[in-house]
Amino acid sequence: MRAVLIMAMLVMVVTGSVLSAATVVINCDVGGAQLELYDFATRSWQKSSFPKVLSLPRYSYVLVRATAPGYETLERGYDVDRADMNNFLVSLVPENPYPESTPLFGISGQIVSRRGLAILPNTYRVVCRNLTTYKKSDGHQVSQDINYNDSGAWFSGVFANFANNRAAAVGDRVFIGVFNSGLTRCFGHEVRTLEEEDISNAGILTTIFIK
């Protein structure tokens, strides 16, 4: 009987020691972000990197600091309350959630016939043009993109300018027009002035009505 009790106590001790150790994985939603961990023993920050894997006692506390260019510095603590795996994602907030310009800007939408007619793929060519920055000498997709419509009458276009990181900016006037294949007749169009939210989203969604 005594041997059985000793064995049971030994199992409890071993099991308790295993459960007391927990795995902690710390990651960040911003690539290239820098990680620092607070050392409570020395009362100082220690440099580290994402992703970070730690083995800590259950019910312990880990304090992190994350920094990245263009984002606000974040200091946050996490409770290690799971006995197995603790996954913590550090989310950083941009210093300016509404940037003035963006190097990549997308336009997508749907063509709708006012007469209720079905629109087959490759029926129309959709011209997307940044009227504010457009130049005939610009390369493809810098300030203009022309594509045929897809199935369901959907269309898309992209402006990309990484040379000066300005494909579109707040206040730019963007033209979206639906043309025939020869670009000689316009069946419907829209001109939109871009707002802060459009630039923050790096794109707009629209509907073009045609006759």
C-alpha atoms as a PDB file:
ATOM      1  CA  MET A   1       0.000   0.000   0.000  1.00  0.00           C
ATOM      2  CA  ARG A   2       2.819   2.372   0.876  1.00  0.00           C
ATOM      3  CA  ALA A   3       4.515   1.660  -2.450  1.00  0.00           C
ATOM      4  CA  VAL A   4       1.306   2.462  -4.321  1.00  0.00           C
ATOM      5  CA  LEU A   5       0.955   5.790  -2.481  1.00  0.00           C
ATOM      6  CA  ILE A   6       4.567   6.726  -3.234  1.00  0.00           C
ATOM      7  CA  MET A   7       4.075   5.875  -6.918  1.00  0.00           C
ATOM      8  CA  ALA A   8       0.872   7.965  -7.057  1.00  0.00           C
ATOM      9  CA  MET A   9       2.613  10.921  -5.460  1.00  0.00           C
ATOM     10  CA  LEU A  10       5.500  10.593  -7.911  1.00  0.00           C
ATOM     11  CA  VAL A  11       3.094  10.593 -10.859  1.00  0.00           C
ATOM     12  CA  MET A  12       1.382  13.710  -9.494  1.00  0.00           C
ATOM     13  CA  VAL A  13       4.701  15.526  -9.074  1.00  0.00           C
ATOM     14  CA  VAL A  14       5.890  14.612 -12.582  1.00  0.00           C
ATOM     15  CA  THR A  15       2.532  15.534 -14.125  1.00  0.00           C
ATOM     16  CA  GLY A  16       2.458  18.842 -12.272  1.00  0.00           C
ATOM     17  CA  SER A  17       5.960  19.756 -13.428  1.00  0.00           C
ATOM     18  CA  VAL A  18       5.032  19.026 -17.042  1.00  0.00           C
ATOM     19  CA  LEU A  19       1.828  21.057 -16.881  1.00  0.00           C
ATOM     20  CA  SER A  20       3.595  23.997 -15.269  1.00  0.00           C
ATOM     21  CA  ALA A  21       5.654  24.622 -18.422  1.00  0.00           C
ATOM     22  CA  ALA A  22       3.827  26.335 -21.277  1.00  0.00           C
ATOM     23  CA  THR A  23       4.922  27.215 -24.803  1.00  0.00           C
ATOM     24  CA  VAL A  24       4.520  30.859 -25.798  1.00  0.00           C
ATOM     25  CA  VAL A  25       4.653  32.004 -29.435  1.00  0.00           C
ATOM     26  CA  ILE A  26       4.753  35.753 -30.077  1.00  0.00           C
ATOM     27  CA  ASN A  27       4.265  37.084 -33.591  1.00  0.00           C
ATOM     28  CA  CYS A  28       3.506  40.424 -35.247  1.00  0.00           C
ATOM     29  CA  ASP A  29       1.189  41.452 -38.074  1.00  0.00           C
ATOM     30  CA  VAL A  30       3.784  43.864 -39.504  1.00  0.00           C
ATOM     31  CA  GLY A  31       6.764  42.438 -41.374  1.00  0.00           C
ATOM     32  CA  GLY A  32      10.177  43.615 -40.192  1.00  0.00           C
ATOM     33  CA  ALA A  33       8.916  44.775 -36.799  1.00  0.00           C
ATOM     34  CA  GLN A  34      11.409  44.780 -33.920  1.00  0.00           C
ATOM     35  CA  LEU A  35      10.674  42.935 -30.681  1.00  0.00           C
ATOM     36  CA  GLU A  36      11.879  43.637 -27.139  1.00  0.00           C
ATOM     37  CA  LEU A  37      11.091  41.557 -24.056  1.00  0.00           C
ATOM     38  CA  TYR A  38      11.073  43.014 -20.567  1.00  0.00           C
ATOM     39  CA  ASP A  39      13.384  41.323 -18.046  1.00  0.00           C
ATOM     40  CA  PHE A  40      11.791  41.751 -14.630  1.00  0.00           C
ATOM     41  CA  ALA A  41      14.982  40.585 -12.893  1.00  0.00           C
ATOM     42  CA  THR A  42      17.157  43.349 -14.373  1.00  0.00           C
ATOM     43  CA  ARG A  43      14.288  45.783 -14.981  1.00  0.00           C
ATOM     44  CA  SER A  44      15.425  46.324 -18.552  1.00  0.00           C
ATOM     45  CA  TRP A  45      14.336  45.658 -22.120  1.00  0.00           C
ATOM     46  CA  GLN A  46      16.115  42.887 -24.022  1.00  0.00           C
ATOM     47  CA  LYS A  47      16.236  42.897 -27.816  1.00  0.00           C
ATOM     48  CA  SER A  48      14.732  39.919 -29.591  1.00  0.00           C
ATOM     49  CA  SER A  49      12.978  39.174 -32.894  1.00  0.00           C
ATOM     50  CA  PHE A  50       9.689  37.933 -34.348  1.00  0.00           C
ATOM     51  CA  PRO A  51       8.516  35.206 -34.259  1.00  0.00           C
ATOM     52  CA  LYS A  52       9.587  34.449 -30.694  1.00  0.00           C
ATOM     53  CA  VAL A  53       9.095  31.072 -29.004  1.00  0.00           C
ATOM     54  CA  LEU A  54       9.402  30.886 -25.218  1.00  0.00           C
ATOM     55  CA  SER A  55       8.938  28.246 -22.553  1.00  0.00           C
ATOM     56  CA  LEU A  56       7.404  29.897 -19.516  1.00  0.00           C
ATOM     57  CA  PRO A  57       5.608  28.733 -16.386  1.00  0.00           C
ATOM     58  CA  ARG A  58       1.861  28.644 -16.660  1.00  0.00           C
ATOM     59  CA  TYR A  59       0.138  31.691 -15.092  1.00  0.00           C
ATOM     60  CA  SER A  60       3.235  33.805 -15.671  1.00  0.00           C
ATOM     61  CA  TYR A  61       3.277  37.206 -17.386  1.00  0.00           C
ATOM     62  CA  VAL A  62       5.273  38.385 -20.404  1.00  0.00           C
ATOM     63  CA  LEU A  63       5.718  42.044 -21.332  1.00  0.00           C
ATOM     64  CA  VAL A  64       6.636  42.949 -24.912  1.00  0.00           C
ATOM     65  CA  ARG A  65       7.477  46.086 -26.857  1.00  0.00           C
ATOM     66  CA  ALA A  66       7.203  46.231 -30.639  1.00  0.00           C
ATOM     67  CA  THR A  67       8.335  48.933 -33.060  1.00  0.00           C
ATOM     68  CA  ALA A  68       8.238  49.366 -36.838  1.00  0.00           C
ATOM     69  CA  PRO A  69       8.789  52.335 -39.158  1.00  0.00           C
ATOM     70  CA  GLY A  70       5.521  54.164 -39.780  1.00  0.00           C
ATOM     71  CA  TYR A  71       3.766  52.490 -36.838  1.00  0.00           C
ATOM     72  CA  GLU A  72       3.121  53.501 -33.254  1.00  0.00           C
ATOM     73  CA  THR A  73       5.275  51.819 -30.599  1.00  0.00           C
ATOM     74  CA  LEU A  74       3.298  49.224 -28.667  1.00  0.00           C
ATOM     75  CA  GLU A  75       3.965  47.976 -25.133  1.00  0.00           C
ATOM     76  CA  ARG A  76       1.665  45.219 -23.980  1.00  0.00           C
ATOM     77  CA  GLY A  77       1.557  42.413 -21.455  1.00  0.00           C
ATOM     78  CA  TYR A  78       0.173  38.917 -21.958  1.00  0.00           C
ATOM     79  CA  ASP A  79      -1.001  36.368 -19.399  1.00  0.00           C
ATOM     80  CA  VAL A  80       0.246  32.840 -19.968  1.00  0.00           C
ATOM     81  CA  ASP A  81      -2.928  31.066 -18.942  1.00  0.00           C
ATOM     82  CA  ARG A  82      -2.887  27.974 -21.150  1.00  0.00           C
ATOM     83  CA  ALA A  83      -1.026  24.833 -20.137  1.00  0.00           C
ATOM     84  CA  ASP A  84      -0.108  23.868 -23.702  1.00  0.00           C
ATOM     85  CA  MET A  85       0.261  26.527 -26.406  1.00  0.00           C
ATOM     86  CA  ASN A  86      -0.153  30.295 -25.995  1.00  0.00           C
ATOM     87  CA  ASN A  87      -0.231  32.219 -29.288  1.00  0.00           C
ATOM     88  CA  PHE A  88       0.005  36.004 -29.047  1.00  0.00           C
ATOM     89  CA  LEU A  89      -0.284  38.274 -32.094  1.00  0.00           C
ATOM     90  CA  VAL A  90       1.054  41.798 -31.685  1.00  0.00           C
ATOM     91  CA  SER A  91      -0.984  44.218 -33.818  1.00  0.00           C
ATOM     92  CA  LEU A  92       0.590  47.582 -34.612  1.00  0.00           C
ATOM     93  CA  VAL A  93      -1.344  50.729 -35.511  1.00  0.00           C
ATOM     94  CA  PRO A  94      -0.109  53.006 -38.341  1.00  0.00           C
ATOM     95  CA  GLU A  95       1.054  56.438 -37.213  1.00  0.00           C
ATOM     96  CA  ASN A  96      -1.171  57.909 -39.909  1.00  0.00           C
ATOM     97  CA  PRO A  97      -4.164  55.694 -40.708  1.00  0.00           C
ATOM     98  CA  TYR A  98      -5.064  57.999 -43.595  1.00  0.00           C
ATOM     99  CA  PRO A  99      -1.951  58.487 -45.755  1.00  0.00           C
ATOM    100  CA  GLU A 100      -1.995  61.199 -48.383  1.00  0.00           C
ATOM    101  CA  SER A 101      -0.906  58.874 -51.200  1.00  0.00           C
ATOM    102  CA  THR A 102      -0.306  55.238 -52.061  1.00  0.00           C
ATOM    103  CA  PRO A 103       2.073  53.531 -54.546  1.00  0.00           C
ATOM    104  CA  LEU A 104      -0.561  50.942 -55.531  1.00  0.00           C
ATOM    105  CA  PHE A 105      -4.229  51.664 -56.173  1.00  0.00           C
ATOM    106  CA  GLY A 106      -6.903  49.274 -57.391  1.00  0.00           C
ATOM    107  CA  ILE A 107     -10.236  49.921 -59.063  1.00  0.00           C
ATOM    108  CA  SER A 108     -12.895  47.242 -59.377  1.00  0.00           C
ATOM    109  CA  GLY A 109     -16.563  47.261 -60.159  1.00  0.00           C
ATOM    110  CA  GLN A 110     -19.425  45.994 -62.259  1.00  0.00           C
ATOM    111  CA  ILE A 111     -21.088  47.158 -65.455  1.00  0.00           C
ATOM    112  CA  VAL A 112     -24.871  47.275 -65.262  1.00  0.00           C
ATOM    113  CA  SER A 113     -27.171  47.648 -68.277  1.00  0.00           C
ATOM    114  CA  ARG A 114     -30.065  50.040 -67.656  1.00  0.00           C
ATOM    115  CA  ARG A 115     -32.144  47.888 -70.010  1.00  0.00           C
ATOM    116  CA  GLY A 116     -31.414  44.752 -68.004  1.00  0.00           C
ATOM    117  CA  LEU A 117     -29.359  43.123 -70.755  1.00  0.00           C
ATOM    118  CA  ALA A 118     -26.848  40.406 -69.962  1.00  0.00           C
ATOM    119  CA  ILE A 119     -23.221  41.411 -70.502  1.00  0.00           C
ATOM    120  CA  LEU A 120     -20.897  38.697 -71.780  1.00  0.00           C
ATOM    121  CA  PRO A 121     -17.166  38.563 -70.994  1.00  0.00           C
ATOM    122  CA  ASN A 122     -14.862  40.641 -73.223  1.00  0.00           C
ATOM    123  CA  THR A 123     -17.747  42.758 -74.527  1.00  0.00           C
ATOM    124  CA  TYR A 124     -16.449  46.131 -73.337  1.00  0.00           C
ATOM    125  CA  ARG A 125     -13.101  47.705 -72.571  1.00  0.00           C
ATOM    126  CA  VAL A 126     -12.952  49.617 -69.308  1.00  0.00           C
ATOM    127  CA  VAL A 127     -10.596  52.593 -69.113  1.00  0.00           C
ATOM    128  CA  CYS A 128      -9.347  53.545 -65.641  1.00  0.00           C
ATOM    129  CA  ARG A 129      -7.360  56.778 -65.689  1.00  0.00           C
ATOM    130  CA  ASN A 130      -5.991  59.098 -63.031  1.00  0.00           C
ATOM    131  CA  LEU A 131      -6.891  62.437 -64.593  1.00  0.00           C
ATOM    132  CA  THR A 132      -4.717  64.323 -62.117  1.00  0.00           C
ATOM    133  CA  THR A 133      -1.442  62.588 -62.980  1.00  0.00           C
ATOM    134  CA  TYR A 134      -2.037  61.088 -66.431  1.00  0.00           C
ATOM    135  CA  LYS A 135       0.538  61.646 -69.155  1.00  0.00           C
ATOM    136  CA  LYS A 136       0.644  59.949 -72.555  1.00  0.00           C
ATOM    137  CA  SER A 137       4.288  59.112 -71.934  1.00  0.00           C
ATOM    138  CA  ASP A 138       3.487  57.162 -68.751  1.00  0.00           C
ATOM    139  CA  GLY A 139       4.218  53.466 -68.748  1.00  0.00           C
ATOM    140  CA  HIS A 140       1.456  50.863 -68.576  1.00  0.00           C
ATOM    141  CA  GLN A 141      -0.549  51.020 -65.336  1.00  0.00           C
ATOM    142  CA  VAL A 142       1.317  54.051 -63.969  1.00  0.00           C
ATOM    143  CA  SER A 143      -1.699  56.340 -64.351  1.00  0.00           C
ATOM    144  CA  GLN A 144      -3.951  54.360 -66.691  1.00  0.00           C
ATOM    145  CA  ASP A 145      -5.130  50.765 -67.072  1.00  0.00           C
ATOM    146  CA  ILE A 146      -7.395  49.382 -69.807  1.00  0.00           C
ATOM    147  CA  ASN A 147      -8.952  45.929 -69.602  1.00  0.00           C
ATOM    148  CA  TYR A 148     -11.867  43.961 -71.009  1.00  0.00           C
ATOM    149  CA  ASN A 149     -14.720  43.125 -68.657  1.00  0.00           C
ATOM    150  CA  ASP A 150     -14.795  39.691 -67.034  1.00  0.00           C
ATOM    151  CA  SER A 151     -17.679  37.290 -66.501  1.00  0.00           C
ATOM    152  CA  GLY A 152     -20.600  38.725 -64.587  1.00  0.00           C
ATOM    153  CA  ALA A 153     -19.738  42.129 -66.122  1.00  0.00           C
ATOM    154  CA  TRP A 154     -17.052  42.683 -63.488  1.00  0.00           C
ATOM    155  CA  PHE A 155     -13.937  44.698 -64.285  1.00  0.00           C
ATOM    156  CA  SER A 156     -10.718  45.765 -62.587  1.00  0.00           C
ATOM    157  CA  GLY A 157      -7.813  48.113 -63.065  1.00  0.00           C
ATOM    158  CA  VAL A 158      -4.622  48.998 -61.207  1.00  0.00           C
ATOM    159  CA  PHE A 159      -2.380  52.041 -60.923  1.00  0.00           C
ATOM    160  CA  ALA A 160       1.175  51.302 -59.803  1.00  0.00           C
ATOM    161  CA  ASN A 161       3.905  53.887 -59.303  1.00  0.00           C
ATOM    162  CA  PHE A 162       6.758  52.796 -57.065  1.00  0.00           C
ATOM    163  CA  ALA A 163       9.176  55.327 -58.543  1.00  0.00           C
ATOM    164  CA  ASN A 164       7.782  58.102 -56.346  1.00  0.00           C
ATOM    165  CA  ASN A 165       5.239  56.036 -54.342  1.00  0.00           C
ATOM    166  CA  ARG A 166       2.330  57.986 -55.775  1.00  0.00           C
ATOM    167  CA  ALA A 167      -0.118  56.026 -57.884  1.00  0.00           C
ATOM    168  CA  ALA A 168      -3.006  57.924 -56.337  1.00  0.00           C
ATOM    169  CA  ALA A 169      -3.465  60.596 -53.687  1.00  0.00           C
ATOM    170  CA  VAL A 170      -6.198  62.386 -51.789  1.00  0.00           C
ATOM    171  CA  GLY A 171      -7.935  64.813 -54.137  1.00  0.00           C
ATOM    172  CA  ASP A 172      -7.009  63.008 -57.363  1.00  0.00           C
ATOM    173  CA  ARG A 173      -9.786  62.767 -59.954  1.00  0.00           C
ATOM    174  CA  VAL A 174     -10.181  59.256 -61.363  1.00  0.00           C
ATOM    175  CA  PHE A 175     -12.067  58.444 -64.573  1.00  0.00           C
ATOM    176  CA  ILE A 176     -13.701  55.033 -65.124  1.00  0.00           C
ATOM    177  CA  GLY A 177     -15.326  54.603 -68.547  1.00  0.00           C
ATOM    178  CA  VAL A 178     -16.909  51.732 -70.447  1.00  0.00           C
ATOM    179  CA  PHE A 179     -15.991  51.713 -74.156  1.00  0.00           C
ATOM    180  CA  ASN A 180     -16.312  49.553 -77.228  1.00  0.00           C
ATOM    181  CA  SER A 181     -13.300  47.447 -78.222  1.00  0.00           C
ATOM    182  CA  GLY A 182     -11.926  50.210 -80.450  1.00  0.00           C
ATOM    183  CA  LEU A 183     -12.214  52.841 -77.691  1.00  0.00           C
ATOM    184  CA  THR A 184     -14.187  55.083 -80.044  1.00  0.00           C
ATOM    185  CA  ARG A 185     -17.488  55.135 -78.155  1.00  0.00           C
ATOM    186  CA  CYS A 186     -18.182  55.522 -74.442  1.00  0.00           C
ATOM    187  CA  PHE A 187     -21.359  53.888 -73.122  1.00  0.00           C
ATOM    188  CA  GLY A 188     -21.088  55.115 -69.540  1.00  0.00           C
ATOM    189  CA  HIS A 189     -18.551  56.622 -67.177  1.00  0.00           C
ATOM    190  CA  GLU A 190     -17.863  58.000 -63.719  1.00  0.00           C
ATOM    191  CA  VAL A 191     -15.416  60.607 -62.436  1.00  0.00           C
ATOM    192  CA  ARG A 192     -14.609  60.291 -58.758  1.00  0.00           C
ATOM    193  CA  THR A 193     -12.529  62.513 -56.495  1.00  0.00           C
ATOM    194  CA  LEU A 194     -10.513  60.323 -54.142  1.00  0.00           C
ATOM    195  CA  GLU A 195     -10.921  60.791 -50.413  1.00  0.00           C
ATOM    196  CA  GLU A 196      -8.785  59.804 -47.421  1.00  0.00           C
ATOM    197  CA  GLU A 197     -10.655  56.546 -46.935  1.00  0.00           C
ATOM    198  CA  ASP A 198     -10.073  55.566 -50.583  1.00  0.00           C
ATOM    199  CA  ILE A 199      -6.316  56.045 -50.213  1.00  0.00           C
ATOM    200  CA  SER A 200      -6.284  54.218 -46.889  1.00  0.00           C
ATOM    201  CA  ASN A 201      -8.058  51.290 -48.565  1.00  0.00           C
ATOM    202  CA  ALA A 202      -5.764  51.575 -51.608  1.00  0.00           C
ATOM    203  CA  GLY A 203      -8.748  51.114 -53.872  1.00  0.00           C
ATOM    204  CA  ILE A 204     -12.388  51.752 -54.701  1.00  0.00           C
ATOM    205  CA  LEU A 205     -15.400  49.675 -55.700  1.00  0.00           C
ATOM    206  CA  THR A 206     -17.906  51.181 -58.126  1.00  0.00           C
ATOM    207  CA  THR A 207     -20.780  50.472 -60.492  1.00  0.00           C
ATOM    208  CA  ILE A 208     -20.963  51.876 -64.032  1.00  0.00           C
ATOM    209  CA  PHE A 209     -24.400  52.063 -65.655  1.00  0.00           C
ATOM    210  CA  ILE A 210     -24.609  51.870 -69.428  1.00  0.00           C
ATOM    211  CA  LYS A 211     -27.464  52.469 -71.855  1.00  0.00           C
END
